[in-house]
Structure formats: structure tokens, C-alpha cells
Amino acid sequence: MKKTNFVVFSVLAIIALCIWFSCNPFEVKNSDYESTDLNVLDATELVRATGGGPVGYASLNGGTTGGEGGPTITVSNGTDLINEIKAGGPKIINVTGTITLANSSEKVIYIKRVSNISVIGQGADFNGIGFKCVDASNIIIQNVKVHHTKDSENGDGVEIDGCKNVWVDHCEFYNESPAVQSDKDLYDGLVDVKGASQYVTVSWNYFHDHWKGCLAGHSDSATGDTAMTVTYYANYFKNINTRIPLLRYGKVHFVNNYVLGPTSSASNIRMGANIKVENTVYENVGSGSIDDDTGIAEGPIGTWYSDTVGYWNVVGVQYINCLGNQPTTSTSSYNPPYSMTVMATSSVKSSVMSGAGLF
């Protein structure tokens, strides 16, 4: 009899526990922790809250994670930053303060023949010195301001040469406005990709006040850049005269970007290159001048300054008050080999203006 009572009691206890847990007594009621709050974060906060990785090409080939899993180190001058990078990864390097040629041991911040490095700005201002990534892999550069790089080696904000899996995200790049600086060669590119670099994503950056914006493909003779793959996602280009981007040979996905003039020409696709321009807005772009090489009027998308044309697939592109070539039909069927969430064209301008640039 006692055994029977024990069994009955045990069964009832188990039932009671099941009911108790189904009511979720540990549920957090504080609305600050409800998952739906992520839905109201702006783009920058969402990246910070979720630790989200890159979209586009940098998500392929195993992904781009930088120094994830390694120690976190903080530096406040260029020499220490260079030395930490040279020591290799995995490593996350937080950078504070102002980085200049005067406090750096070299004329550029080299990320050379190393892997698994993240350089994360914490109020970092790179004044007069840029980055040069050479034969490196799995590199993240995030939340840094880089400007006035004319005395830095090659004069680029970031140069990516012969690299794989590089993510440049939520940074600010600028030099001087073309309206006041007439020498187009005083500075070089803001972010230049070459040397058949692959799996590169340039996202949520603010590029402004400069002559020659972003290069993808070193020269008309650099046929190896056919292998190059770059995604430009949700970047804000303002007051840049040309090269948004200049693309030779490779493949580029130019998606959800906002390009605000003045420019002579923006997306210059040549040497057989392919680009997909998707849900992107061009405003006040183009001079309308006829290019002597191609006979195409300088504008948002086209081939200029070369007699070997490139090809474009245009989807959901909006032109506002533009001059020159504004294609609404495609000359290429190129589509990148990945899937991603794409913003509606109608929300690109406001979202990019509020979300691009530093955290």
C-alpha cells in the first residue's frame, strides 16, 4: 500500500513540475530585454548589439571574423599598433587617440602577411596616415576615421592588395573638397582594392570631400584582377568627384549605397568588368560631358576614359537630378553568388545617411 502511494505521489509531483515550468517562472519581464527591441535599433546600433559579421563577399570563403577568439589589446599610438599587427593574430586591437606619422614607426599602418586581425577604433583618429593591407587574410578594420593621407605611403585611406577576406566597416574617410583642392592627384584613393583581392566587403562607411573615391582594379594592364570580388554595401558617398567605384576586370556588387554629388562620373566600369548596381540612389551626379574615348556622357553609371567597356546589371536604381548616362537596362546578367537582405530603394537615402560612418 505504501509503495502504491509513493508511485501516485511521484506521478502527481512530476505533473505539477511540468505545469510550473510551462508557466516560465524565470521569464524576464523587464522590457529592456525583450527581443523585439532589436527591431527598433538603427543600423549602427544593430551591428553593435548583435556583433553581426559582414554581408556580401566577405561572408564567403569561411567568413571574415578578424581577431575573434584572440586577446583584446588597446593601443594609443601608431608604433604600438604596427608592432601588435606584426606579431600576428588572432588578436583584437582597440585603438584610442590620434594616430599620426609623428607617433608611428612607418609611413603607413602595414597589415602585411598576417591573418586574423581586427583593428577597432575607440575614438581613433588617423590623421595623415592610412592602412596598407598586403597578402593578408581575415582582416577587419572598423570604426576608424582616416583623413588627409597625402604624406602616407601611396596616399590611400586603406589599400587592399592581394588579400582575402577583408571587411572595412563603419569608418569615415575624407581629405579635401574638390571645390577647394584643385590638384586631383594630391591624395590617392579612400579605399582601393587591387592585386586580385577576393572576398572583400566595404560597408556602412562615410566617404566625403575627395577627388578619387574608390578603386577596384589597379590598372588597365592588371588582368589578374579578373579574380577580384568586392561588395560595397550601404555606404554614403558625398562630394566626391569620381571613382564610385572605378572598376577594372573584377566583379562588384554595389548595393544599397547613396551617392550624392557633385561628381564628374560615378560608377566607371571598364576593361570587361562586371557590376551589379542594386537598389542604389544617385543624386546630383554627373557632368554630362561627352567622354572622348567612349562617346558616353559622364554620369552615374557607364564606361569612361577607356576604349574597353565594362558591363552592368542594374536593378532598382534611382536617379535624382542627375546628368549623363543613367542606364535603366542591363548589359550584363552578373549576380553575386550569395544571398543577403537588401533594403528597398525608397529607404536607402535616409537609412544610409543616418547609419553610415562611425559608431
Protein backbone atom coordinates (compact mmCIF):
# COMPACT_ATOMS: atom_id res chain seq x y z
CA MET A 1 0.00 0.00 0.00
CA LYS A 2 2.83 2.35 0.92
CA LYS A 3 4.54 1.57 -2.39
CA THR A 4 1.34 2.40 -4.31
CA ASN A 5 1.01 5.75 -2.51
CA PHE A 6 4.63 6.60 -3.29
CA VAL A 7 4.11 5.94 -7.02
CA VAL A 8 0.95 8.05 -7.11
CA PHE A 9 2.70 10.87 -5.26
CA SER A 10 5.65 10.76 -7.67
CA VAL A 11 3.40 10.96 -10.72
CA LEU A 12 1.50 13.90 -9.27
CA ALA A 13 4.76 15.68 -8.45
CA ILE A 14 6.04 15.29 -11.98
CA ILE A 15 2.77 16.67 -13.40
CA ALA A 16 2.95 19.64 -11.06
CA LEU A 17 6.53 20.42 -12.10
CA CYS A 18 5.59 20.29 -15.79
CA ILE A 19 2.77 22.77 -15.22
CA TRP A 20 5.07 25.05 -13.21
CA PHE A 21 7.78 25.17 -15.90
CA SER A 22 5.20 25.71 -18.65
CA CYS A 23 4.33 28.96 -16.92
CA ASN A 24 8.02 30.02 -17.32
CA PRO A 25 8.64 31.41 -13.82
CA PHE A 26 12.09 32.61 -14.93
CA GLU A 27 10.75 34.77 -17.76
CA VAL A 28 12.31 38.25 -17.75
CA LYS A 29 9.53 40.84 -17.58
CA ASN A 30 11.76 43.90 -17.98
CA SER A 31 11.00 45.25 -21.45
CA ASP A 32 14.64 46.32 -21.83
CA TYR A 33 15.50 42.71 -22.57
CA GLU A 34 12.68 41.80 -24.92
CA SER A 35 13.99 40.56 -28.26
CA THR A 36 11.59 42.81 -30.15
CA ASP A 37 13.67 45.81 -29.05
CA LEU A 38 16.27 44.87 -31.68
CA ASN A 39 13.71 45.67 -34.34
CA VAL A 40 13.73 49.37 -33.43
CA LEU A 41 17.51 49.80 -33.35
CA ASP A 42 19.03 51.80 -36.15
CA ALA A 43 21.53 50.11 -38.43
CA THR A 44 24.62 51.10 -36.44
CA GLU A 45 23.16 50.03 -33.09
CA LEU A 46 22.08 46.71 -34.55
CA VAL A 47 25.63 45.90 -35.64
CA ARG A 48 26.93 46.78 -32.17
CA ALA A 49 24.18 44.90 -30.35
CA THR A 50 24.41 41.68 -32.32
CA GLY A 51 28.09 41.64 -33.20
CA GLY A 52 26.94 40.94 -36.74
CA GLY A 53 29.50 39.91 -39.33
CA PRO A 54 29.81 41.17 -42.87
CA VAL A 55 27.35 40.62 -45.69
CA GLY A 56 28.39 40.06 -49.26
CA TYR A 57 31.67 38.67 -50.48
CA ALA A 58 33.43 38.87 -47.10
CA SER A 59 30.86 36.39 -45.75
CA LEU A 60 32.16 33.72 -48.18
CA ASN A 61 35.30 31.57 -48.09
CA GLY A 62 34.70 30.68 -44.44
CA GLY A 63 33.67 34.21 -43.47
CA THR A 64 35.58 37.18 -42.10
CA THR A 65 35.94 37.15 -38.32
CA GLY A 66 39.20 39.05 -37.81
CA GLY A 67 40.76 38.53 -34.40
CA GLU A 68 37.76 36.76 -32.90
CA GLY A 69 38.85 34.32 -30.20
CA GLY A 70 42.14 36.09 -29.54
CA PRO A 71 43.14 38.56 -26.82
CA THR A 72 41.94 42.18 -26.84
CA ILE A 73 44.70 44.79 -26.65
CA THR A 74 44.45 48.58 -26.51
CA VAL A 75 46.97 50.93 -28.15
CA SER A 76 47.11 54.71 -28.47
CA ASN A 77 49.92 55.37 -30.95
CA GLY A 78 50.95 54.18 -34.38
CA THR A 79 54.15 52.42 -33.38
CA ASP A 80 52.40 50.19 -30.85
CA LEU A 81 49.65 49.44 -33.37
CA ILE A 82 52.17 48.46 -36.05
CA ASN A 83 54.06 46.22 -33.64
CA GLU A 84 50.92 44.46 -32.44
CA ILE A 85 49.86 43.79 -36.03
CA LYS A 86 53.31 42.47 -36.97
CA ALA A 87 53.13 39.99 -34.06
CA GLY A 88 50.17 38.32 -35.79
CA GLY A 89 46.79 37.05 -34.66
CA PRO A 90 44.25 36.10 -33.70
CA LYS A 91 44.05 39.46 -31.98
CA ILE A 92 41.57 42.30 -31.47
CA ILE A 93 43.33 45.66 -31.30
CA ASN A 94 41.33 48.59 -29.90
CA VAL A 95 42.78 51.94 -30.94
CA THR A 96 42.31 55.17 -29.00
CA GLY A 97 43.58 58.71 -29.51
CA THR A 98 45.13 60.32 -32.57
CA ILE A 99 47.44 58.27 -34.80
CA THR A 100 49.91 60.35 -36.83
CA LEU A 101 53.15 59.97 -38.78
CA ALA A 102 54.91 61.50 -35.78
CA ASN A 103 53.88 58.69 -33.39
CA SER A 104 54.26 55.90 -35.96
CA SER A 105 57.42 53.98 -36.85
CA GLU A 106 56.43 53.76 -40.53
CA LYS A 107 54.66 55.97 -43.07
CA VAL A 108 51.69 53.62 -43.26
CA ILE A 109 49.94 51.17 -40.94
CA TYR A 110 51.01 47.91 -42.57
CA ILE A 111 48.82 44.80 -42.24
CA LYS A 112 51.24 42.63 -44.16
CA ARG A 113 51.36 38.83 -44.45
CA VAL A 114 49.36 38.32 -41.28
CA SER A 115 45.95 36.81 -40.58
CA ASN A 116 43.11 37.06 -38.07
CA ILE A 117 43.45 40.71 -37.03
CA SER A 118 40.75 43.19 -36.02
CA VAL A 119 41.55 46.90 -35.74
CA ILE A 120 38.65 48.57 -33.93
CA GLY A 121 38.58 52.31 -33.31
CA GLN A 122 37.54 53.61 -29.92
CA GLY A 123 37.52 57.28 -30.85
CA ALA A 124 40.58 56.71 -33.05
CA ASP A 125 41.58 59.49 -35.47
CA PHE A 126 44.13 58.52 -38.15
CA ASN A 127 45.35 61.96 -39.18
CA GLY A 128 47.72 61.87 -42.14
CA ILE A 129 48.35 58.13 -42.10
CA GLY A 130 46.41 55.27 -43.67
CA PHE A 131 46.41 51.47 -43.84
CA LYS A 132 48.10 49.16 -46.32
CA CYS A 133 46.94 45.51 -46.33
CA VAL A 134 49.26 43.27 -48.34
CA ASP A 135 48.93 39.49 -48.77
CA ALA A 136 46.84 39.36 -45.59
CA SER A 137 43.71 37.38 -44.76
CA ASN A 138 40.77 37.58 -42.39
CA ILE A 139 41.18 41.26 -41.53
CA ILE A 140 38.62 43.68 -40.04
CA ILE A 141 39.05 47.47 -39.96
CA GLN A 142 36.14 49.08 -38.16
CA ASN A 143 35.06 52.40 -36.62
CA VAL A 144 38.16 54.44 -37.54
CA LYS A 145 38.42 57.93 -39.01
CA VAL A 146 41.13 58.28 -41.69
CA HIS A 147 41.88 61.60 -43.39
CA HIS A 148 44.47 63.89 -45.01
CA THR A 149 46.70 61.00 -46.08
CA LYS A 150 48.79 62.78 -48.72
CA ASP A 151 52.05 62.08 -46.85
CA SER A 152 51.16 58.47 -46.05
CA GLU A 153 52.71 55.83 -48.32
CA ASN A 154 50.67 55.72 -51.56
CA GLY A 155 48.26 58.25 -50.07
CA ASP A 156 45.33 55.83 -49.63
CA GLY A 157 42.99 55.68 -46.67
CA VAL A 158 43.02 51.87 -46.96
CA GLU A 159 44.81 49.91 -49.66
CA ILE A 160 43.93 46.21 -50.04
CA ASP A 161 46.48 44.39 -52.20
CA GLY A 162 46.50 40.63 -52.79
CA CYS A 163 44.31 39.93 -49.76
CA LYS A 164 41.44 37.58 -48.95
CA ASN A 165 38.53 38.15 -46.59
CA VAL A 166 38.78 41.82 -45.64
CA TRP A 167 35.95 43.80 -44.07
CA VAL A 168 36.08 47.62 -43.86
CA ASP A 169 33.06 48.72 -41.88
CA HIS A 170 31.56 51.83 -40.23
CA CYS A 171 34.56 54.06 -40.92
CA GLU A 172 34.89 57.66 -42.11
CA PHE A 173 37.25 58.66 -44.92
CA TYR A 174 37.90 62.14 -46.29
CA ASN A 175 40.57 64.59 -47.45
CA GLU A 176 39.64 67.92 -49.04
CA SER A 177 36.69 69.04 -51.13
CA PRO A 178 37.30 69.20 -54.90
CA ALA A 179 35.79 72.68 -54.72
CA VAL A 180 38.81 73.98 -52.79
CA GLN A 181 41.52 71.44 -53.74
CA SER A 182 42.19 71.58 -57.47
CA ASP A 183 45.00 69.00 -57.53
CA LYS A 184 43.23 65.70 -58.15
CA ASP A 185 46.45 63.75 -57.54
CA LEU A 186 47.38 65.32 -54.20
CA TYR A 187 45.70 62.37 -52.48
CA ASP A 188 45.06 58.89 -53.82
CA GLY A 189 42.05 56.67 -53.11
CA LEU A 190 39.95 56.44 -49.99
CA VAL A 191 39.66 52.63 -50.15
CA ASP A 192 41.48 50.98 -53.05
CA VAL A 193 41.32 47.24 -53.83
CA LYS A 194 43.80 45.55 -56.18
CA GLY A 195 46.15 42.61 -56.65
CA ALA A 196 43.30 40.16 -57.35
CA SER A 197 41.96 40.62 -53.80
CA GLN A 198 38.92 38.49 -53.09
CA TYR A 199 36.07 38.28 -50.59
CA VAL A 200 36.15 41.97 -49.68
CA THR A 201 33.21 43.88 -48.20
CA VAL A 202 33.15 47.66 -47.73
CA SER A 203 30.06 48.53 -45.70
CA TRP A 204 28.40 51.40 -43.84
CA ASN A 205 31.26 53.84 -44.45
CA TYR A 206 31.03 57.60 -44.90
CA PHE A 207 33.21 58.78 -47.81
CA HIS A 208 33.28 62.51 -48.43
CA ASP A 209 35.18 65.55 -49.75
CA HIS A 210 37.69 63.95 -52.06
CA TRP A 211 38.65 63.68 -55.74
CA LYS A 212 39.20 59.98 -56.48
CA GLY A 213 36.95 57.84 -54.30
CA CYS A 214 37.35 54.05 -54.51
CA LEU A 215 39.38 52.00 -56.97
CA ALA A 216 38.77 48.31 -57.65
CA GLY A 217 41.42 47.14 -60.10
CA HIS A 218 44.90 48.65 -60.24
CA SER A 219 45.34 49.46 -63.93
CA ASP A 220 44.18 48.65 -67.45
CA SER A 221 47.06 46.15 -67.71
CA ALA A 222 46.36 44.34 -64.40
CA THR A 223 44.50 41.41 -65.95
CA GLY A 224 44.90 39.34 -62.78
CA ASP A 225 42.20 41.50 -61.23
CA THR A 226 39.66 39.42 -63.14
CA ALA A 227 39.58 37.30 -59.96
CA MET A 228 38.74 40.30 -57.75
CA THR A 229 35.43 40.27 -55.84
CA VAL A 230 34.12 43.20 -53.79
CA THR A 231 30.81 44.15 -52.17
CA TYR A 232 30.04 47.81 -51.45
CA TYR A 233 27.04 47.89 -49.14
CA ALA A 234 25.18 50.81 -47.52
CA ASN A 235 27.97 53.37 -47.98
CA TYR A 236 27.42 57.13 -48.13
CA PHE A 237 29.45 58.93 -50.83
CA LYS A 238 29.22 62.71 -50.62
CA ASN A 239 31.05 65.40 -52.61
CA ILE A 240 33.44 63.04 -54.40
CA ASN A 241 34.44 63.87 -57.96
CA THR A 242 34.90 60.42 -59.49
CA ARG A 243 35.57 56.66 -58.92
CA ILE A 244 32.47 55.47 -57.05
CA PRO A 245 33.94 52.99 -57.80
CA LEU A 246 36.32 52.74 -60.74
CA LEU A 247 36.17 49.03 -61.59
CA ARG A 248 38.50 47.09 -63.90
CA TYR A 249 38.31 43.37 -64.73
CA GLY A 250 36.72 42.12 -61.50
CA LYS A 251 33.22 41.66 -60.13
CA VAL A 252 31.47 44.12 -57.82
CA HIS A 253 28.11 44.16 -56.06
CA PHE A 254 27.20 47.81 -55.44
CA VAL A 255 24.11 47.56 -53.27
CA ASN A 256 22.10 50.00 -51.13
CA ASN A 257 24.60 52.83 -51.49
CA TYR A 258 23.74 56.54 -51.55
CA VAL A 259 25.83 58.69 -53.87
CA LEU A 260 25.41 62.46 -53.52
CA GLY A 261 27.31 64.71 -55.95
CA PRO A 262 28.97 66.67 -57.25
CA THR A 263 30.85 64.19 -59.42
CA SER A 264 32.10 64.19 -62.97
CA SER A 265 31.31 60.46 -63.18
CA ALA A 266 30.48 57.88 -60.53
CA SER A 267 30.47 54.13 -61.23
CA ASN A 268 33.03 53.72 -64.03
CA ILE A 269 33.01 50.10 -65.28
CA ARG A 270 35.66 49.17 -67.84
CA MET A 271 38.12 46.52 -69.06
CA GLY A 272 35.39 43.86 -69.25
CA ALA A 273 34.46 44.16 -65.56
CA ASN A 274 31.00 43.31 -64.26
CA ILE A 275 28.95 45.16 -61.67
CA LYS A 276 25.51 44.66 -60.21
CA VAL A 277 24.13 48.00 -59.08
CA GLU A 278 21.17 47.17 -56.86
CA ASN A 279 18.70 49.40 -55.00
CA THR A 280 21.18 52.29 -55.02
CA VAL A 281 20.44 56.03 -55.19
CA TYR A 282 22.44 58.56 -57.22
CA GLU A 283 21.60 62.23 -56.60
CA ASN A 284 23.08 65.31 -58.31
CA VAL A 285 25.61 63.07 -60.06
CA GLY A 286 27.26 63.59 -63.43
CA SER A 287 28.70 66.42 -65.51
CA GLY A 288 27.01 65.36 -68.75
CA SER A 289 30.28 65.93 -70.64
CA ILE A 290 30.90 63.53 -73.53
CA ASP A 291 33.91 61.31 -72.94
CA ASP A 292 36.31 61.32 -75.90
CA ASP A 293 37.18 57.61 -75.51
CA THR A 294 33.68 56.10 -75.40
CA GLY A 295 31.33 58.83 -76.55
CA ILE A 296 29.28 58.28 -73.36
CA ALA A 297 28.14 61.27 -71.32
CA GLU A 298 29.69 61.34 -67.84
CA GLY A 299 27.08 60.41 -65.26
CA PRO A 300 26.09 57.85 -62.62
CA ILE A 301 26.95 54.56 -64.41
CA GLY A 302 28.97 53.95 -67.56
CA THR A 303 32.38 53.43 -69.18
CA TRP A 304 34.73 56.43 -69.39
CA TYR A 305 38.42 57.16 -70.05
CA SER A 306 38.98 53.76 -71.71
CA ASP A 307 38.04 52.26 -75.08
CA THR A 308 37.37 48.84 -73.48
CA VAL A 309 33.93 48.85 -71.94
CA GLY A 310 32.59 47.11 -68.84
CA TYR A 311 29.14 45.69 -68.15
CA TRP A 312 26.37 46.42 -65.66
CA ASN A 313 23.30 44.76 -64.26
CA VAL A 314 21.02 47.49 -62.89
CA VAL A 315 18.17 46.62 -60.53
CA GLY A 316 16.06 49.13 -58.58
CA VAL A 317 18.42 52.07 -59.24
CA GLN A 318 17.10 55.60 -58.61
CA TYR A 319 18.50 58.72 -60.31
CA ILE A 320 17.64 62.11 -58.78
CA ASN A 321 18.58 65.27 -60.67
CA CYS A 322 21.44 63.53 -62.49
CA LEU A 323 23.17 64.25 -65.79
CA GLY A 324 24.86 61.92 -68.25
CA ASN A 325 24.50 58.15 -68.61
CA GLN A 326 21.69 56.78 -66.41
CA PRO A 327 21.04 53.21 -67.58
CA THR A 328 17.74 51.55 -66.81
CA THR A 329 18.51 48.41 -68.82
CA SER A 330 21.33 45.96 -68.22
CA THR A 331 24.24 44.88 -70.38
CA SER A 332 25.20 42.01 -68.03
CA SER A 333 23.43 39.19 -66.21
CA TYR A 334 26.02 39.09 -63.40
CA ASN A 335 24.67 38.19 -59.96
CA PRO A 336 26.89 37.63 -56.90
CA PRO A 337 26.99 34.05 -55.54
CA TYR A 338 25.39 34.80 -52.16
CA SER A 339 22.09 35.90 -50.69
CA MET A 340 21.53 38.89 -48.41
CA THR A 341 18.75 41.13 -47.19
CA VAL A 342 18.51 44.21 -49.41
CA MET A 343 16.86 47.47 -48.36
CA ALA A 344 14.09 48.87 -50.51
CA THR A 345 15.34 51.70 -52.71
CA SER A 346 12.88 54.09 -51.07
CA SER A 347 14.55 53.68 -47.67
CA VAL A 348 18.18 53.75 -48.80
CA LYS A 349 18.81 57.51 -48.62
CA SER A 350 17.52 58.02 -45.07
CA SER A 351 18.91 54.75 -43.71
CA VAL A 352 22.38 55.26 -45.13
CA MET A 353 22.62 58.91 -44.13
CA SER A 354 21.72 58.07 -40.53
CA GLY A 355 23.62 54.77 -40.24
CA ALA A 356 26.87 55.18 -42.21
CA GLY A 357 30.08 56.30 -40.59
CA LEU A 358 31.45 55.91 -37.09
CA PHE A 359 29.51 54.18 -34.28
